[in-house]
Amino acid sequence: MVYRTKGTCSSKIELQIDEDHIIRCVRFTGGCNGNLQGISKLVTGRKAEEVIEALEGTRCGFKQTSCPDQLAQALKQALAAS
């Protein structure tokens, strides 16, 4: 799945979730490369619902969203589509 981010430095998130809702792969385009690689490693192998609960609502400075929040939104969209 490809998710186009809104309101962040990253422009898109590519992710793979298996039938048990386990996150298998996350790749961000743009944004803070080191931080986003770290987030990707931390969430890979975890349940999508667990990651959504942990990251949803995270803000970046004065922005209404963040790359972690956008990942949560992408995961919610992927779960709704499955």
PDB file of N, CA and C in Angstrom:
ATOM      1  N   MET A   1       0.844  -1.179   0.000  1.00  0.00           N
ATOM      2  CA  MET A   1       0.000   0.000   0.000  1.00  0.00           C
ATOM      3  C   MET A   1       0.887   1.238   0.000  1.00  0.00           C
ATOM      4  N   VAL A   2       0.451   2.268  -0.699  1.00  0.00           N
ATOM      5  CA  VAL A   2       1.140   3.556  -0.713  1.00  0.00           C
ATOM      6  C   VAL A   2       0.180   4.590  -0.151  1.00  0.00           C
ATOM      7  N   TYR A   3       0.653   5.342   0.842  1.00  0.00           N
ATOM      8  CA  TYR A   3      -0.143   6.384   1.483  1.00  0.00           C
ATOM      9  C   TYR A   3       0.563   7.716   1.270  1.00  0.00           C
ATOM     10  N   ARG A   4      -0.143   8.690   0.718  1.00  0.00           N
ATOM     11  CA  ARG A   4       0.398  10.039   0.518  1.00  0.00           C
ATOM     12  C   ARG A   4       0.162  10.837   1.800  1.00  0.00           C
ATOM     13  N   THR A   5       1.242  11.258   2.428  1.00  0.00           N
ATOM     14  CA  THR A   5       1.130  11.967   3.700  1.00  0.00           C
ATOM     15  C   THR A   5       0.611  13.382   3.494  1.00  0.00           C
ATOM     16  N   LYS A   6       0.089  13.941   4.578  1.00  0.00           N
ATOM     17  CA  LYS A   6      -0.455  15.298   4.575  1.00  0.00           C
ATOM     18  C   LYS A   6       0.127  16.062   5.761  1.00  0.00           C
ATOM     19  N   GLY A   7       0.725  17.225   5.503  1.00  0.00           N
ATOM     20  CA  GLY A   7       1.186  18.085   6.580  1.00  0.00           C
ATOM     21  C   GLY A   7       2.513  17.698   7.205  1.00  0.00           C
ATOM     22  N   THR A   8       3.318  16.879   6.503  1.00  0.00           N
ATOM     23  CA  THR A   8       4.611  16.461   7.050  1.00  0.00           C
ATOM     24  C   THR A   8       5.716  16.661   6.024  1.00  0.00           C
ATOM     25  N   CYS A   9       6.948  16.543   6.484  1.00  0.00           N
ATOM     26  CA  CYS A   9       8.099  16.646   5.579  1.00  0.00           C
ATOM     27  C   CYS A   9       8.193  15.430   4.674  1.00  0.00           C
ATOM     28  N   SER A  10       7.774  14.272   5.162  1.00  0.00           N
ATOM     29  CA  SER A  10       7.759  13.089   4.292  1.00  0.00           C
ATOM     30  C   SER A  10       6.594  13.235   3.318  1.00  0.00           C
ATOM     31  N   SER A  11       6.725  12.614   2.150  1.00  0.00           N
ATOM     32  CA  SER A  11       5.682  12.756   1.132  1.00  0.00           C
ATOM     33  C   SER A  11       4.835  11.499   0.950  1.00  0.00           C
ATOM     34  N   LYS A  12       5.398  10.344   1.305  1.00  0.00           N
ATOM     35  CA  LYS A  12       4.606   9.117   1.204  1.00  0.00           C
ATOM     36  C   LYS A  12       5.158   8.047   2.126  1.00  0.00           C
ATOM     37  N   ILE A  13       4.290   7.075   2.409  1.00  0.00           N
ATOM     38  CA  ILE A  13       4.647   5.915   3.217  1.00  0.00           C
ATOM     39  C   ILE A  13       4.223   4.682   2.428  1.00  0.00           C
ATOM     40  N   GLU A  14       5.159   3.759   2.246  1.00  0.00           N
ATOM     41  CA  GLU A  14       4.854   2.473   1.632  1.00  0.00           C
ATOM     42  C   GLU A  14       4.871   1.437   2.741  1.00  0.00           C
ATOM     43  N   LEU A  15       3.824   0.605   2.810  1.00  0.00           N
ATOM     44  CA  LEU A  15       3.795  -0.391   3.871  1.00  0.00           C
ATOM     45  C   LEU A  15       3.168  -1.686   3.418  1.00  0.00           C
ATOM     46  N   GLN A  16       3.560  -2.740   4.122  1.00  0.00           N
ATOM     47  CA  GLN A  16       2.995  -4.066   3.899  1.00  0.00           C
ATOM     48  C   GLN A  16       2.525  -4.604   5.238  1.00  0.00           C
ATOM     49  N   ILE A  17       1.286  -5.099   5.255  1.00  0.00           N
ATOM     50  CA  ILE A  17       0.700  -5.708   6.448  1.00  0.00           C
ATOM     51  C   ILE A  17       0.183  -7.075   6.051  1.00  0.00           C
ATOM     52  N   ASP A  18       0.447  -8.089   6.876  1.00  0.00           N
ATOM     53  CA  ASP A  18      -0.045  -9.424   6.523  1.00  0.00           C
ATOM     54  C   ASP A  18      -1.485  -9.617   7.003  1.00  0.00           C
ATOM     55  N   GLU A  19      -2.040 -10.782   6.740  1.00  0.00           N
ATOM     56  CA  GLU A  19      -3.451 -11.058   7.050  1.00  0.00           C
ATOM     57  C   GLU A  19      -3.749 -11.043   8.548  1.00  0.00           C
ATOM     58  N   ASP A  20      -2.707 -11.186   9.377  1.00  0.00           N
ATOM     59  CA  ASP A  20      -2.887 -11.126  10.834  1.00  0.00           C
ATOM     60  C   ASP A  20      -2.656  -9.722  11.386  1.00  0.00           C
ATOM     61  N   HIS A  21      -2.559  -8.745  10.492  1.00  0.00           N
ATOM     62  CA  HIS A  21      -2.349  -7.332  10.823  1.00  0.00           C
ATOM     63  C   HIS A  21      -0.954  -7.051  11.378  1.00  0.00           C
ATOM     64  N   ILE A  22      -0.012  -7.920  11.063  1.00  0.00           N
ATOM     65  CA  ILE A  22       1.376  -7.703  11.463  1.00  0.00           C
ATOM     66  C   ILE A  22       2.057  -6.855  10.385  1.00  0.00           C
ATOM     67  N   ILE A  23       2.741  -5.803  10.812  1.00  0.00           N
ATOM     68  CA  ILE A  23       3.444  -4.921   9.881  1.00  0.00           C
ATOM     69  C   ILE A  23       4.719  -5.627   9.432  1.00  0.00           C
ATOM     70  N   ARG A  24       4.874  -5.794   8.132  1.00  0.00           N
ATOM     71  CA  ARG A  24       6.035  -6.490   7.581  1.00  0.00           C
ATOM     72  C   ARG A  24       7.079  -5.541   7.012  1.00  0.00           C
ATOM     73  N   CYS A  25       6.665  -4.361   6.559  1.00  0.00           N
ATOM     74  CA  CYS A  25       7.607  -3.430   5.934  1.00  0.00           C
ATOM     75  C   CYS A  25       7.010  -2.022   5.965  1.00  0.00           C
ATOM     76  N   VAL A  26       7.845  -1.036   6.297  1.00  0.00           N
ATOM     77  CA  VAL A  26       7.451   0.373   6.252  1.00  0.00           C
ATOM     78  C   VAL A  26       8.602   1.158   5.635  1.00  0.00           C
ATOM     79  N   ARG A  27       8.300   1.971   4.625  1.00  0.00           N
ATOM     80  CA  ARG A  27       9.299   2.846   4.002  1.00  0.00           C
ATOM     81  C   ARG A  27       8.716   4.241   3.847  1.00  0.00           C
ATOM     82  N   PHE A  28       9.428   5.228   4.361  1.00  0.00           N
ATOM     83  CA  PHE A  28       9.038   6.628   4.209  1.00  0.00           C
ATOM     84  C   PHE A  28       9.837   7.240   3.067  1.00  0.00           C
ATOM     85  N   THR A  29       9.233   8.166   2.343  1.00  0.00           N
ATOM     86  CA  THR A  29       9.928   8.963   1.341  1.00  0.00           C
ATOM     87  C   THR A  29       9.970  10.390   1.861  1.00  0.00           C
ATOM     88  N   GLY A  30      11.186  10.950   1.934  1.00  0.00           N
ATOM     89  CA  GLY A  30      11.366  12.285   2.480  1.00  0.00           C
ATOM     90  C   GLY A  30      11.388  12.254   3.997  1.00  0.00           C
ATOM     91  N   GLY A  31      11.402  13.432   4.596  1.00  0.00           N
ATOM     92  CA  GLY A  31      11.406  13.521   6.047  1.00  0.00           C
ATOM     93  C   GLY A  31      12.789  13.335   6.640  1.00  0.00           C
ATOM     94  N   CYS A  32      12.839  13.145   7.938  1.00  0.00           N
ATOM     95  CA  CYS A  32      14.091  12.981   8.687  1.00  0.00           C
ATOM     96  C   CYS A  32      14.540  11.523   8.571  1.00  0.00           C
ATOM     97  N   ASN A  33      15.449  11.262   7.670  1.00  0.00           N
ATOM     98  CA  ASN A  33      15.813   9.907   7.292  1.00  0.00           C
ATOM     99  C   ASN A  33      16.152   9.001   8.474  1.00  0.00           C
ATOM    100  N   GLY A  34      17.028   9.420   9.353  1.00  0.00           N
ATOM    101  CA  GLY A  34      17.421   8.570  10.476  1.00  0.00           C
ATOM    102  C   GLY A  34      16.264   8.258  11.403  1.00  0.00           C
ATOM    103  N   ASN A  35      15.485   9.274  11.747  1.00  0.00           N
ATOM    104  CA  ASN A  35      14.336   9.064  12.632  1.00  0.00           C
ATOM    105  C   ASN A  35      13.312   8.125  12.003  1.00  0.00           C
ATOM    106  N   LEU A  36      13.056   8.312  10.727  1.00  0.00           N
ATOM    107  CA  LEU A  36      12.045   7.483  10.064  1.00  0.00           C
ATOM    108  C   LEU A  36      12.529   6.059   9.841  1.00  0.00           C
ATOM    109  N   GLN A  37      13.826   5.865   9.642  1.00  0.00           N
ATOM    110  CA  GLN A  37      14.356   4.505   9.593  1.00  0.00           C
ATOM    111  C   GLN A  37      14.177   3.836  10.952  1.00  0.00           C
ATOM    112  N   GLY A  38      14.419   4.594  12.020  1.00  0.00           N
ATOM    113  CA  GLY A  38      14.245   4.054  13.369  1.00  0.00           C
ATOM    114  C   GLY A  38      12.803   3.675  13.645  1.00  0.00           C
ATOM    115  N   ILE A  39      11.865   4.541  13.280  1.00  0.00           N
ATOM    116  CA  ILE A  39      10.439   4.236  13.468  1.00  0.00           C
ATOM    117  C   ILE A  39      10.081   2.977  12.689  1.00  0.00           C
ATOM    118  N   SER A  40      10.554   2.885  11.450  1.00  0.00           N
ATOM    119  CA  SER A  40      10.259   1.714  10.627  1.00  0.00           C
ATOM    120  C   SER A  40      10.742   0.431  11.290  1.00  0.00           C
ATOM    121  N   LYS A  41      11.949   0.448  11.828  1.00  0.00           N
ATOM    122  CA  LYS A  41      12.488  -0.732  12.502  1.00  0.00           C
ATOM    123  C   LYS A  41      11.697  -1.068  13.767  1.00  0.00           C
ATOM    124  N   LEU A  42      11.278  -0.048  14.495  1.00  0.00           N
ATOM    125  CA  LEU A  42      10.544  -0.286  15.739  1.00  0.00           C
ATOM    126  C   LEU A  42       9.151  -0.862  15.516  1.00  0.00           C
ATOM    127  N   VAL A  43       8.504  -0.505  14.423  1.00  0.00           N
ATOM    128  CA  VAL A  43       7.129  -0.973  14.205  1.00  0.00           C
ATOM    129  C   VAL A  43       7.053  -2.268  13.405  1.00  0.00           C
ATOM    130  N   THR A  44       8.098  -2.609  12.662  1.00  0.00           N
ATOM    131  CA  THR A  44       8.090  -3.847  11.878  1.00  0.00           C
ATOM    132  C   THR A  44       7.996  -5.048  12.822  1.00  0.00           C
ATOM    133  N   GLY A  45       7.057  -5.921  12.519  1.00  0.00           N
ATOM    134  CA  GLY A  45       6.828  -7.111  13.343  1.00  0.00           C
ATOM    135  C   GLY A  45       5.773  -6.925  14.418  1.00  0.00           C
ATOM    136  N   ARG A  46       5.244  -5.703  14.556  1.00  0.00           N
ATOM    137  CA  ARG A  46       4.212  -5.426  15.559  1.00  0.00           C
ATOM    138  C   ARG A  46       2.836  -5.400  14.911  1.00  0.00           C
ATOM    139  N   LYS A  47       1.804  -5.574  15.713  1.00  0.00           N
ATOM    140  CA  LYS A  47       0.422  -5.507  15.234  1.00  0.00           C
ATOM    141  C   LYS A  47       0.089  -4.065  14.866  1.00  0.00           C
ATOM    142  N   ALA A  48      -0.602  -3.893  13.757  1.00  0.00           N
ATOM    143  CA  ALA A  48      -0.977  -2.563  13.283  1.00  0.00           C
ATOM    144  C   ALA A  48      -1.786  -1.811  14.333  1.00  0.00           C
ATOM    145  N   GLU A  49      -2.712  -2.495  14.991  1.00  0.00           N
ATOM    146  CA  GLU A  49      -3.568  -1.836  15.991  1.00  0.00           C
ATOM    147  C   GLU A  49      -2.747  -1.289  17.159  1.00  0.00           C
ATOM    148  N   GLU A  50      -1.724  -2.023  17.557  1.00  0.00           N
ATOM    149  CA  GLU A  50      -0.843  -1.597  18.652  1.00  0.00           C
ATOM    150  C   GLU A  50      -0.067  -0.332  18.260  1.00  0.00           C
ATOM    151  N   VAL A  51       0.409  -0.301  17.027  1.00  0.00           N
ATOM    152  CA  VAL A  51       1.169   0.850  16.536  1.00  0.00           C
ATOM    153  C   VAL A  51       0.257   2.062  16.392  1.00  0.00           C
ATOM    154  N   ILE A  52      -0.957   1.859  15.900  1.00  0.00           N
ATOM    155  CA  ILE A  52      -1.916   2.961  15.781  1.00  0.00           C
ATOM    156  C   ILE A  52      -2.156   3.582  17.149  1.00  0.00           C
ATOM    157  N   GLU A  53      -2.401   2.744  18.145  1.00  0.00           N
ATOM    158  CA  GLU A  53      -2.667   3.240  19.498  1.00  0.00           C
ATOM    159  C   GLU A  53      -1.488   4.039  20.046  1.00  0.00           C
ATOM    160  N   ALA A  54      -0.274   3.583  19.752  1.00  0.00           N
ATOM    161  CA  ALA A  54       0.919   4.248  20.273  1.00  0.00           C
ATOM    162  C   ALA A  54       1.241   5.564  19.562  1.00  0.00           C
ATOM    163  N   LEU A  55       0.984   5.640  18.253  1.00  0.00           N
ATOM    164  CA  LEU A  55       1.463   6.781  17.467  1.00  0.00           C
ATOM    165  C   LEU A  55       0.407   7.813  17.100  1.00  0.00           C
ATOM    166  N   GLU A  56      -0.858   7.417  17.046  1.00  0.00           N
ATOM    167  CA  GLU A  56      -1.896   8.345  16.605  1.00  0.00           C
ATOM    168  C   GLU A  56      -1.956   9.563  17.520  1.00  0.00           C
ATOM    169  N   GLY A  57      -2.026  10.724  16.904  1.00  0.00           N
ATOM    170  CA  GLY A  57      -2.125  11.978  17.652  1.00  0.00           C
ATOM    171  C   GLY A  57      -0.788  12.628  17.961  1.00  0.00           C
ATOM    172  N   THR A  58       0.317  11.980  17.620  1.00  0.00           N
ATOM    173  CA  THR A  58       1.641  12.566  17.833  1.00  0.00           C
ATOM    174  C   THR A  58       1.776  13.797  16.947  1.00  0.00           C
ATOM    175  N   ARG A  59       2.276  14.875  17.523  1.00  0.00           N
ATOM    176  CA  ARG A  59       2.428  16.117  16.768  1.00  0.00           C
ATOM    177  C   ARG A  59       3.903  16.467  16.617  1.00  0.00           C
ATOM    178  N   CYS A  60       4.218  17.183  15.556  1.00  0.00           N
ATOM    179  CA  CYS A  60       5.576  17.651  15.290  1.00  0.00           C
ATOM    180  C   CYS A  60       5.585  19.166  15.435  1.00  0.00           C
ATOM    181  N   GLY A  61       6.155  19.651  16.526  1.00  0.00           N
ATOM    182  CA  GLY A  61       6.183  21.091  16.763  1.00  0.00           C
ATOM    183  C   GLY A  61       4.780  21.663  16.813  1.00  0.00           C
ATOM    184  N   PHE A  62       4.532  22.684  16.006  1.00  0.00           N
ATOM    185  CA  PHE A  62       3.224  23.331  15.978  1.00  0.00           C
ATOM    186  C   PHE A  62       2.282  22.720  14.947  1.00  0.00           C
ATOM    187  N   LYS A  63       2.749  21.708  14.237  1.00  0.00           N
ATOM    188  CA  LYS A  63       1.909  21.051  13.228  1.00  0.00           C
ATOM    189  C   LYS A  63       0.826  20.232  13.914  1.00  0.00           C
ATOM    190  N   GLN A  64      -0.262  20.007  13.223  1.00  0.00           N
ATOM    191  CA  GLN A  64      -1.369  19.210  13.742  1.00  0.00           C
ATOM    192  C   GLN A  64      -1.112  17.709  13.607  1.00  0.00           C
ATOM    193  N   THR A  65      -0.030  17.338  12.935  1.00  0.00           N
ATOM    194  CA  THR A  65       0.287  15.937  12.672  1.00  0.00           C
ATOM    195  C   THR A  65       1.788  15.746  12.728  1.00  0.00           C
ATOM    196  N   SER A  66       2.250  14.564  12.402  1.00  0.00           N
ATOM    197  CA  SER A  66       3.671  14.225  12.367  1.00  0.00           C
ATOM    198  C   SER A  66       3.829  12.984  11.485  1.00  0.00           C
ATOM    199  N   CYS A  67       5.054  12.601  11.212  1.00  0.00           N
ATOM    200  CA  CYS A  67       5.266  11.369  10.451  1.00  0.00           C
ATOM    201  C   CYS A  67       4.738  10.145  11.211  1.00  0.00           C
ATOM    202  N   PRO A  68       4.953  10.030  12.538  1.00  0.00           N
ATOM    203  CA  PRO A  68       4.349   8.899  13.254  1.00  0.00           C
ATOM    204  C   PRO A  68       2.816   8.912  13.193  1.00  0.00           C
ATOM    205  N   ASP A  69       2.205  10.078  13.319  1.00  0.00           N
ATOM    206  CA  ASP A  69       0.750  10.173  13.218  1.00  0.00           C
ATOM    207  C   ASP A  69       0.277   9.793  11.818  1.00  0.00           C
ATOM    208  N   GLN A  70       1.016  10.210  10.805  1.00  0.00           N
ATOM    209  CA  GLN A  70       0.645   9.851   9.437  1.00  0.00           C
ATOM    210  C   GLN A  70       0.788   8.348   9.208  1.00  0.00           C
ATOM    211  N   LEU A  71       1.777   7.714   9.858  1.00  0.00           N
ATOM    212  CA  LEU A  71       1.880   6.263   9.783  1.00  0.00           C
ATOM    213  C   LEU A  71       0.643   5.617  10.401  1.00  0.00           C
ATOM    214  N   ALA A  72       0.195   6.130  11.524  1.00  0.00           N
ATOM    215  CA  ALA A  72      -1.031   5.600  12.147  1.00  0.00           C
ATOM    216  C   ALA A  72      -2.216   5.746  11.207  1.00  0.00           C
ATOM    217  N   GLN A  73      -2.323   6.882  10.514  1.00  0.00           N
ATOM    218  CA  GLN A  73      -3.425   7.089   9.573  1.00  0.00           C
ATOM    219  C   GLN A  73      -3.324   6.110   8.407  1.00  0.00           C
ATOM    220  N   ALA A  74      -2.105   5.883   7.913  1.00  0.00           N
ATOM    221  CA  ALA A  74      -1.892   4.937   6.818  1.00  0.00           C
ATOM    222  C   ALA A  74      -2.299   3.528   7.242  1.00  0.00           C
ATOM    223  N   LEU A  75      -1.948   3.151   8.467  1.00  0.00           N
ATOM    224  CA  LEU A  75      -2.307   1.825   8.977  1.00  0.00           C
ATOM    225  C   LEU A  75      -3.813   1.687   9.122  1.00  0.00           C
ATOM    226  N   LYS A  76      -4.488   2.728   9.600  1.00  0.00           N
ATOM    227  CA  LYS A  76      -5.949   2.686   9.716  1.00  0.00           C
ATOM    228  C   LYS A  76      -6.592   2.499   8.339  1.00  0.00           C
ATOM    229  N   GLN A  77      -6.074   3.204   7.351  1.00  0.00           N
ATOM    230  CA  GLN A  77      -6.607   3.083   5.991  1.00  0.00           C
ATOM    231  C   GLN A  77      -6.357   1.667   5.454  1.00  0.00           C
ATOM    232  N   ALA A  78      -5.182   1.118   5.703  1.00  0.00           N
ATOM    233  CA  ALA A  78      -4.870  -0.232   5.226  1.00  0.00           C
ATOM    234  C   ALA A  78      -5.785  -1.262   5.894  1.00  0.00           C
ATOM    235  N   LEU A  79      -6.026  -1.119   7.182  1.00  0.00           N
ATOM    236  CA  LEU A  79      -6.906  -2.061   7.882  1.00  0.00           C
ATOM    237  C   LEU A  79      -8.339  -1.958   7.372  1.00  0.00           C
ATOM    238  N   ALA A  80      -8.791  -0.740   7.105  1.00  0.00           N
ATOM    239  CA  ALA A  80     -10.155  -0.549   6.595  1.00  0.00           C
ATOM    240  C   ALA A  80     -10.319  -1.177   5.204  1.00  0.00           C
ATOM    241  N   ALA A  81      -9.254  -1.165   4.424  1.00  0.00           N
ATOM    242  CA  ALA A  81      -9.306  -1.714   3.068  1.00  0.00           C
ATOM    243  C   ALA A  81      -9.225  -3.245   3.034  1.00  0.00           C
ATOM    244  N   SER A  82      -8.763  -3.833   4.135  1.00  0.00           N
ATOM    245  CA  SER A  82      -8.579  -5.301   4.130  1.00  0.00           C
ATOM    246  C   SER A  82      -9.817  -6.046   4.576  1.00  0.00           C
TER     247      SER A  82
END
